[in-house]
Amino acid sequence: MTENRCRLVLITPDIADPAERTEMLRNALRGGDVASVIIPQYGLDDTVFQKHAELLVPVVQEAGAAALIVDNSRVAGRVKADGLHVSGNAAALAEEVENHTPKLIVGGGNAMDRHHALEIGEIQPDYIFFGKIDGDIKPEAHSKNVALGEWWSSMIEIPCMVMGGQDPTSAVVVAESGVEFVALGKAVFADPSQAAAIVTRVNAELDEKAPRFAD
């Protein structure tokens, strides 16, 4: 059972060809358990982004994961995504929570410190995110985000997600902090041919090393 340990979240890569992007994601999802997939807009206009999302969202859902659209509630609604990932501040998150829960999963927030995290917690999102979705610039997860995740998960019930690094092994370090979700982007998709194998390996490492949550 993966539900009682930290689970993997994927961030889709910035690929201009929607079919190629979708196939890359489909292959990764064959690798094993993924809780959700975050789909950024990457500067595409709404029409083009919607075409990407129309292909990506069903693939995510068929794999049993939740499809989370970044910062675009209109597209999220049109493509019947499961939720919305808000990359902005507490005010932006509060507006989306008010407008779209409980119909959609709404989480995110750009919590840079404990004070901002507690502001976000008062909004009661479905999850809080520590880091930035393009923050995997080093092999390891950012130590500040891991520390915030450890602090948060030890005292607050709202699930939290921490951005990992470019090295797939960073997922275990994040998981050991006690958080519910670890997000990986480049770690999985840098070499598309290895994406499924990396998802399989990360899940095996989490099975072996991630702490178990109490019921």
C-alpha atoms as a PDB file:
ATOM      1  CA  MET A   1       0.000   0.000   0.000  1.00  0.00           C
ATOM      2  CA  THR A   2       1.403   3.359  -1.020  1.00  0.00           C
ATOM      3  CA  GLU A   3      -1.243   5.446   0.741  1.00  0.00           C
ATOM      4  CA  ASN A   4       0.540   5.196   4.087  1.00  0.00           C
ATOM      5  CA  ARG A   5       3.806   6.702   2.854  1.00  0.00           C
ATOM      6  CA  CYS A   6       5.049   9.663   0.837  1.00  0.00           C
ATOM      7  CA  ARG A   7       3.819   9.421  -2.761  1.00  0.00           C
ATOM      8  CA  LEU A   8       5.242  10.691  -6.011  1.00  0.00           C
ATOM      9  CA  VAL A   9       3.883  13.686  -7.940  1.00  0.00           C
ATOM     10  CA  LEU A  10       5.081  14.405 -11.492  1.00  0.00           C
ATOM     11  CA  ILE A  11       5.480  17.792 -13.184  1.00  0.00           C
ATOM     12  CA  THR A  12       5.054  17.540 -16.946  1.00  0.00           C
ATOM     13  CA  PRO A  13       8.012  18.861 -18.954  1.00  0.00           C
ATOM     14  CA  ASP A  14       7.971  21.835 -21.306  1.00  0.00           C
ATOM     15  CA  ILE A  15       7.531  20.131 -24.703  1.00  0.00           C
ATOM     16  CA  ALA A  16       6.132  22.126 -27.639  1.00  0.00           C
ATOM     17  CA  ASP A  17       4.555  19.120 -29.386  1.00  0.00           C
ATOM     18  CA  PRO A  18       1.462  18.090 -27.411  1.00  0.00           C
ATOM     19  CA  ALA A  19       1.491  14.510 -28.761  1.00  0.00           C
ATOM     20  CA  GLU A  20       5.138  14.063 -27.819  1.00  0.00           C
ATOM     21  CA  ARG A  21       4.518  15.565 -24.391  1.00  0.00           C
ATOM     22  CA  THR A  22       1.566  13.236 -23.851  1.00  0.00           C
ATOM     23  CA  GLU A  23       3.451  10.123 -24.918  1.00  0.00           C
ATOM     24  CA  MET A  24       6.352  11.038 -22.643  1.00  0.00           C
ATOM     25  CA  LEU A  25       3.950  11.316 -19.724  1.00  0.00           C
ATOM     26  CA  ARG A  26       2.131   8.104 -20.653  1.00  0.00           C
ATOM     27  CA  ASN A  27       5.422   6.213 -20.571  1.00  0.00           C
ATOM     28  CA  ALA A  28       6.371   7.672 -17.197  1.00  0.00           C
ATOM     29  CA  LEU A  29       3.013   6.690 -15.698  1.00  0.00           C
ATOM     30  CA  ARG A  30       3.603   3.091 -16.745  1.00  0.00           C
ATOM     31  CA  GLY A  31       6.391   3.005 -14.165  1.00  0.00           C
ATOM     32  CA  GLY A  32       4.151   2.718 -11.134  1.00  0.00           C
ATOM     33  CA  ASP A  33       2.298   4.695  -8.504  1.00  0.00           C
ATOM     34  CA  VAL A  34       1.848   8.427  -9.095  1.00  0.00           C
ATOM     35  CA  ALA A  35      -0.545  10.404  -6.906  1.00  0.00           C
ATOM     36  CA  SER A  36      -0.986  13.384  -9.179  1.00  0.00           C
ATOM     37  CA  VAL A  37       0.456  15.177 -12.194  1.00  0.00           C
ATOM     38  CA  ILE A  38       0.963  18.938 -12.270  1.00  0.00           C
ATOM     39  CA  ILE A  39       0.505  20.451 -15.745  1.00  0.00           C
ATOM     40  CA  PRO A  40       2.080  23.923 -16.177  1.00  0.00           C
ATOM     41  CA  GLN A  41       1.126  26.274 -19.002  1.00  0.00           C
ATOM     42  CA  TYR A  42       4.760  27.188 -19.832  1.00  0.00           C
ATOM     43  CA  GLY A  43       3.864  30.440 -21.584  1.00  0.00           C
ATOM     44  CA  LEU A  44       1.472  28.843 -24.081  1.00  0.00           C
ATOM     45  CA  ASP A  45      -1.609  30.854 -24.955  1.00  0.00           C
ATOM     46  CA  ASP A  46      -4.860  29.512 -23.546  1.00  0.00           C
ATOM     47  CA  THR A  47      -6.011  27.910 -26.806  1.00  0.00           C
ATOM     48  CA  VAL A  48      -2.792  25.964 -27.342  1.00  0.00           C
ATOM     49  CA  PHE A  49      -2.543  25.076 -23.652  1.00  0.00           C
ATOM     50  CA  GLN A  50      -6.074  23.709 -23.728  1.00  0.00           C
ATOM     51  CA  LYS A  51      -5.113  21.435 -26.637  1.00  0.00           C
ATOM     52  CA  HIS A  52      -2.189  20.113 -24.601  1.00  0.00           C
ATOM     53  CA  ALA A  53      -4.390  19.617 -21.548  1.00  0.00           C
ATOM     54  CA  GLU A  54      -7.091  17.831 -23.561  1.00  0.00           C
ATOM     55  CA  LEU A  55      -4.506  15.159 -24.397  1.00  0.00           C
ATOM     56  CA  LEU A  56      -2.692  15.058 -21.052  1.00  0.00           C
ATOM     57  CA  VAL A  57      -5.579  14.998 -18.590  1.00  0.00           C
ATOM     58  CA  PRO A  58      -7.207  11.715 -19.760  1.00  0.00           C
ATOM     59  CA  VAL A  59      -3.813   9.973 -19.707  1.00  0.00           C
ATOM     60  CA  VAL A  60      -3.288  11.093 -16.109  1.00  0.00           C
ATOM     61  CA  GLN A  61      -6.767  10.026 -15.050  1.00  0.00           C
ATOM     62  CA  GLU A  62      -6.541   6.646 -16.792  1.00  0.00           C
ATOM     63  CA  ALA A  63      -3.430   5.973 -14.701  1.00  0.00           C
ATOM     64  CA  GLY A  64      -5.423   6.623 -11.521  1.00  0.00           C
ATOM     65  CA  ALA A  65      -3.714   9.939 -10.773  1.00  0.00           C
ATOM     66  CA  ALA A  66      -5.176  13.419 -10.285  1.00  0.00           C
ATOM     67  CA  ALA A  67      -4.573  15.951 -13.081  1.00  0.00           C
ATOM     68  CA  LEU A  68      -3.765  19.390 -11.674  1.00  0.00           C
ATOM     69  CA  ILE A  69      -3.691  22.382 -14.030  1.00  0.00           C
ATOM     70  CA  VAL A  70      -1.418  25.259 -12.996  1.00  0.00           C
ATOM     71  CA  ASP A  71      -3.033  28.687 -12.528  1.00  0.00           C
ATOM     72  CA  ASN A  72      -5.722  28.386 -15.206  1.00  0.00           C
ATOM     73  CA  SER A  73      -9.148  27.560 -13.836  1.00  0.00           C
ATOM     74  CA  ARG A  74     -10.860  28.091 -17.200  1.00  0.00           C
ATOM     75  CA  VAL A  75      -8.772  25.437 -18.908  1.00  0.00           C
ATOM     76  CA  ALA A  76      -9.058  23.180 -15.854  1.00  0.00           C
ATOM     77  CA  GLY A  77     -12.837  23.333 -16.128  1.00  0.00           C
ATOM     78  CA  ARG A  78     -12.974  22.845 -19.878  1.00  0.00           C
ATOM     79  CA  VAL A  79     -10.768  19.737 -19.874  1.00  0.00           C
ATOM     80  CA  LYS A  80     -12.390  18.280 -16.723  1.00  0.00           C
ATOM     81  CA  ALA A  81      -9.155  18.262 -14.759  1.00  0.00           C
ATOM     82  CA  ASP A  82      -9.258  17.103 -11.149  1.00  0.00           C
ATOM     83  CA  GLY A  83      -7.782  20.239  -9.709  1.00  0.00           C
ATOM     84  CA  LEU A  84      -5.850  23.448  -9.789  1.00  0.00           C
ATOM     85  CA  HIS A  85      -2.282  24.053  -8.638  1.00  0.00           C
ATOM     86  CA  VAL A  86      -1.824  27.693  -7.628  1.00  0.00           C
ATOM     87  CA  SER A  87       1.744  28.945  -7.914  1.00  0.00           C
ATOM     88  CA  GLY A  88       1.010  32.430  -6.572  1.00  0.00           C
ATOM     89  CA  ASN A  89       0.732  33.854  -3.089  1.00  0.00           C
ATOM     90  CA  ALA A  90      -1.830  33.328  -0.343  1.00  0.00           C
ATOM     91  CA  ALA A  91      -4.269  35.841  -1.837  1.00  0.00           C
ATOM     92  CA  ALA A  92      -4.250  34.045  -5.198  1.00  0.00           C
ATOM     93  CA  LEU A  93      -4.739  30.696  -3.498  1.00  0.00           C
ATOM     94  CA  ALA A  94      -7.566  32.029  -1.312  1.00  0.00           C
ATOM     95  CA  GLU A  95      -9.463  33.252  -4.371  1.00  0.00           C
ATOM     96  CA  GLU A  96      -9.208  29.884  -6.118  1.00  0.00           C
ATOM     97  CA  VAL A  97     -10.157  27.949  -2.967  1.00  0.00           C
ATOM     98  CA  GLU A  98     -13.239  30.131  -2.546  1.00  0.00           C
ATOM     99  CA  ASN A  99     -14.246  29.801  -6.204  1.00  0.00           C
ATOM    100  CA  HIS A 100     -13.528  26.137  -6.886  1.00  0.00           C
ATOM    101  CA  THR A 101     -13.630  23.932  -3.793  1.00  0.00           C
ATOM    102  CA  PRO A 102     -14.925  21.346  -3.243  1.00  0.00           C
ATOM    103  CA  LYS A 103     -15.572  20.765  -6.951  1.00  0.00           C
ATOM    104  CA  LEU A 104     -11.846  20.849  -7.694  1.00  0.00           C
ATOM    105  CA  ILE A 105      -8.768  19.965  -5.709  1.00  0.00           C
ATOM    106  CA  VAL A 106      -7.086  23.308  -5.002  1.00  0.00           C
ATOM    107  CA  GLY A 107      -3.613  23.510  -3.539  1.00  0.00           C
ATOM    108  CA  GLY A 108      -0.239  25.119  -3.923  1.00  0.00           C
ATOM    109  CA  GLY A 109       0.919  28.437  -2.587  1.00  0.00           C
ATOM    110  CA  ASN A 110       4.438  29.762  -2.769  1.00  0.00           C
ATOM    111  CA  ALA A 111       5.336  29.451   0.906  1.00  0.00           C
ATOM    112  CA  MET A 112       8.843  30.803   1.436  1.00  0.00           C
ATOM    113  CA  ASP A 113       8.854  30.688   5.236  1.00  0.00           C
ATOM    114  CA  ARG A 114       6.805  29.570   8.244  1.00  0.00           C
ATOM    115  CA  HIS A 115       4.838  32.822   8.437  1.00  0.00           C
ATOM    116  CA  HIS A 116       3.646  32.543   4.827  1.00  0.00           C
ATOM    117  CA  ALA A 117       2.947  28.844   5.295  1.00  0.00           C
ATOM    118  CA  LEU A 118       0.659  29.532   8.247  1.00  0.00           C
ATOM    119  CA  GLU A 119      -1.152  32.224   6.222  1.00  0.00           C
ATOM    120  CA  ILE A 120      -1.744  29.616   3.527  1.00  0.00           C
ATOM    121  CA  GLY A 121      -2.871  27.078   6.120  1.00  0.00           C
ATOM    122  CA  GLU A 122      -5.621  29.442   7.290  1.00  0.00           C
ATOM    123  CA  ILE A 123      -7.076  29.264   3.766  1.00  0.00           C
ATOM    124  CA  GLN A 124      -7.543  25.491   4.177  1.00  0.00           C
ATOM    125  CA  PRO A 125      -6.288  24.388   0.748  1.00  0.00           C
ATOM    126  CA  ASP A 126      -6.237  20.700  -0.121  1.00  0.00           C
ATOM    127  CA  TYR A 127      -2.426  20.740   0.095  1.00  0.00           C
ATOM    128  CA  ILE A 128       0.447  23.170   0.532  1.00  0.00           C
ATOM    129  CA  PHE A 129       3.476  23.198  -1.772  1.00  0.00           C
ATOM    130  CA  PHE A 130       6.985  24.044  -0.617  1.00  0.00           C
ATOM    131  CA  GLY A 131       9.265  25.151  -3.432  1.00  0.00           C
ATOM    132  CA  LYS A 132       8.611  26.191  -7.014  1.00  0.00           C
ATOM    133  CA  ILE A 133       7.490  23.810  -9.735  1.00  0.00           C
ATOM    134  CA  ASP A 134      10.561  24.788 -11.759  1.00  0.00           C
ATOM    135  CA  GLY A 135      12.759  24.791  -8.674  1.00  0.00           C
ATOM    136  CA  ASP A 136      14.604  21.548  -9.451  1.00  0.00           C
ATOM    137  CA  ILE A 137      17.810  23.353 -10.426  1.00  0.00           C
ATOM    138  CA  LYS A 138      20.186  21.204  -8.363  1.00  0.00           C
ATOM    139  CA  PRO A 139      20.546  17.445  -7.850  1.00  0.00           C
ATOM    140  CA  GLU A 140      19.172  17.669  -4.318  1.00  0.00           C
ATOM    141  CA  ALA A 141      15.932  19.178  -3.044  1.00  0.00           C
ATOM    142  CA  HIS A 142      16.333  22.651  -1.564  1.00  0.00           C
ATOM    143  CA  SER A 143      17.153  22.146   2.121  1.00  0.00           C
ATOM    144  CA  LYS A 144      14.895  25.030   3.192  1.00  0.00           C
ATOM    145  CA  ASN A 145      11.884  23.427   1.511  1.00  0.00           C
ATOM    146  CA  VAL A 146      12.628  20.052   3.098  1.00  0.00           C
ATOM    147  CA  ALA A 147      12.928  21.719   6.518  1.00  0.00           C
ATOM    148  CA  LEU A 148       9.637  23.577   6.015  1.00  0.00           C
ATOM    149  CA  GLY A 149       7.957  20.331   4.972  1.00  0.00           C
ATOM    150  CA  GLU A 150       9.261  18.544   8.059  1.00  0.00           C
ATOM    151  CA  TRP A 151       8.058  21.343  10.346  1.00  0.00           C
ATOM    152  CA  TRP A 152       4.652  21.530   8.662  1.00  0.00           C
ATOM    153  CA  SER A 153       3.915  17.816   8.538  1.00  0.00           C
ATOM    154  CA  SER A 154       4.829  17.383  12.212  1.00  0.00           C
ATOM    155  CA  MET A 155       2.146  19.803  13.399  1.00  0.00           C
ATOM    156  CA  ILE A 156      -0.489  20.513  10.724  1.00  0.00           C
ATOM    157  CA  GLU A 157      -2.931  18.075   9.130  1.00  0.00           C
ATOM    158  CA  ILE A 158      -3.172  19.734   5.697  1.00  0.00           C
ATOM    159  CA  PRO A 159      -1.042  17.513   3.408  1.00  0.00           C
ATOM    160  CA  CYS A 160       2.137  18.988   2.047  1.00  0.00           C
ATOM    161  CA  MET A 161       4.152  18.521  -1.104  1.00  0.00           C
ATOM    162  CA  VAL A 162       7.849  19.362  -1.436  1.00  0.00           C
ATOM    163  CA  MET A 163       9.746  19.949  -4.682  1.00  0.00           C
ATOM    164  CA  GLY A 164      12.531  17.432  -5.202  1.00  0.00           C
ATOM    165  CA  GLY A 165      15.777  17.898  -7.113  1.00  0.00           C
ATOM    166  CA  GLN A 166      17.161  16.724 -10.446  1.00  0.00           C
ATOM    167  CA  ASP A 167      18.459  13.494  -8.921  1.00  0.00           C
ATOM    168  CA  PRO A 168      15.712  10.879  -8.433  1.00  0.00           C
ATOM    169  CA  THR A 169      17.266   9.881  -5.095  1.00  0.00           C
ATOM    170  CA  SER A 170      16.235  13.298  -3.750  1.00  0.00           C
ATOM    171  CA  ALA A 171      12.727  11.830  -3.392  1.00  0.00           C
ATOM    172  CA  VAL A 172      13.806   9.671  -0.454  1.00  0.00           C
ATOM    173  CA  VAL A 173      15.408  12.617   1.347  1.00  0.00           C
ATOM    174  CA  VAL A 174      12.154  14.551   0.969  1.00  0.00           C
ATOM    175  CA  ALA A 175      10.100  11.560   2.119  1.00  0.00           C
ATOM    176  CA  GLU A 176      12.245  11.104   5.221  1.00  0.00           C
ATOM    177  CA  SER A 177      11.109  14.562   6.368  1.00  0.00           C
ATOM    178  CA  GLY A 178       7.614  13.102   6.902  1.00  0.00           C
ATOM    179  CA  VAL A 179       5.763  14.889   4.088  1.00  0.00           C
ATOM    180  CA  GLU A 180       2.917  13.305   2.136  1.00  0.00           C
ATOM    181  CA  PHE A 181       4.094  14.076  -1.416  1.00  0.00           C
ATOM    182  CA  VAL A 182       7.341  14.659  -3.309  1.00  0.00           C
ATOM    183  CA  ALA A 183       7.238  16.384  -6.706  1.00  0.00           C
ATOM    184  CA  LEU A 184       9.729  15.471  -9.422  1.00  0.00           C
ATOM    185  CA  GLY A 185      10.156  17.046 -12.848  1.00  0.00           C
ATOM    186  CA  LYS A 186      13.599  16.924 -14.470  1.00  0.00           C
ATOM    187  CA  ALA A 187      14.541  13.933 -12.316  1.00  0.00           C
ATOM    188  CA  VAL A 188      12.026  11.836 -14.241  1.00  0.00           C
ATOM    189  CA  PHE A 189      11.874  13.503 -17.658  1.00  0.00           C
ATOM    190  CA  ALA A 190      15.483  14.551 -18.395  1.00  0.00           C
ATOM    191  CA  ASP A 191      15.879  11.300 -20.344  1.00  0.00           C
ATOM    192  CA  PRO A 192      12.395  10.356 -21.607  1.00  0.00           C
ATOM    193  CA  SER A 193      13.482   6.804 -22.422  1.00  0.00           C
ATOM    194  CA  GLN A 194      14.218   6.250 -18.725  1.00  0.00           C
ATOM    195  CA  ALA A 195      11.117   7.920 -17.281  1.00  0.00           C
ATOM    196  CA  ALA A 196       9.168   4.720 -16.518  1.00  0.00           C
ATOM    197  CA  ALA A 197      12.231   3.033 -15.025  1.00  0.00           C
ATOM    198  CA  ILE A 198      12.875   6.049 -12.799  1.00  0.00           C
ATOM    199  CA  VAL A 199       9.261   6.090 -11.561  1.00  0.00           C
ATOM    200  CA  THR A 200       9.583   2.378 -10.780  1.00  0.00           C
ATOM    201  CA  ARG A 201      12.868   2.899  -8.953  1.00  0.00           C
ATOM    202  CA  VAL A 202      11.644   5.888  -6.943  1.00  0.00           C
ATOM    203  CA  ASN A 203       8.583   3.921  -5.828  1.00  0.00           C
ATOM    204  CA  ALA A 204      10.766   0.989  -4.797  1.00  0.00           C
ATOM    205  CA  GLU A 205      13.011   3.301  -2.780  1.00  0.00           C
ATOM    206  CA  LEU A 206       9.999   4.952  -1.142  1.00  0.00           C
ATOM    207  CA  ASP A 207       8.570   1.509  -0.318  1.00  0.00           C
ATOM    208  CA  GLU A 208      11.828   0.604   1.333  1.00  0.00           C
ATOM    209  CA  LYS A 209      12.849   3.822   3.073  1.00  0.00           C
ATOM    210  CA  ALA A 210       9.942   6.264   3.441  1.00  0.00           C
ATOM    211  CA  PRO A 211       8.445   6.479   6.931  1.00  0.00           C
ATOM    212  CA  ARG A 212       4.939   5.096   7.368  1.00  0.00           C
ATOM    213  CA  PHE A 213       2.111   7.334   8.470  1.00  0.00           C
ATOM    214  CA  ALA A 214      -0.062   6.371  11.395  1.00  0.00           C
ATOM    215  CA  ASP A 215      -3.677   5.592  10.534  1.00  0.00           C
END
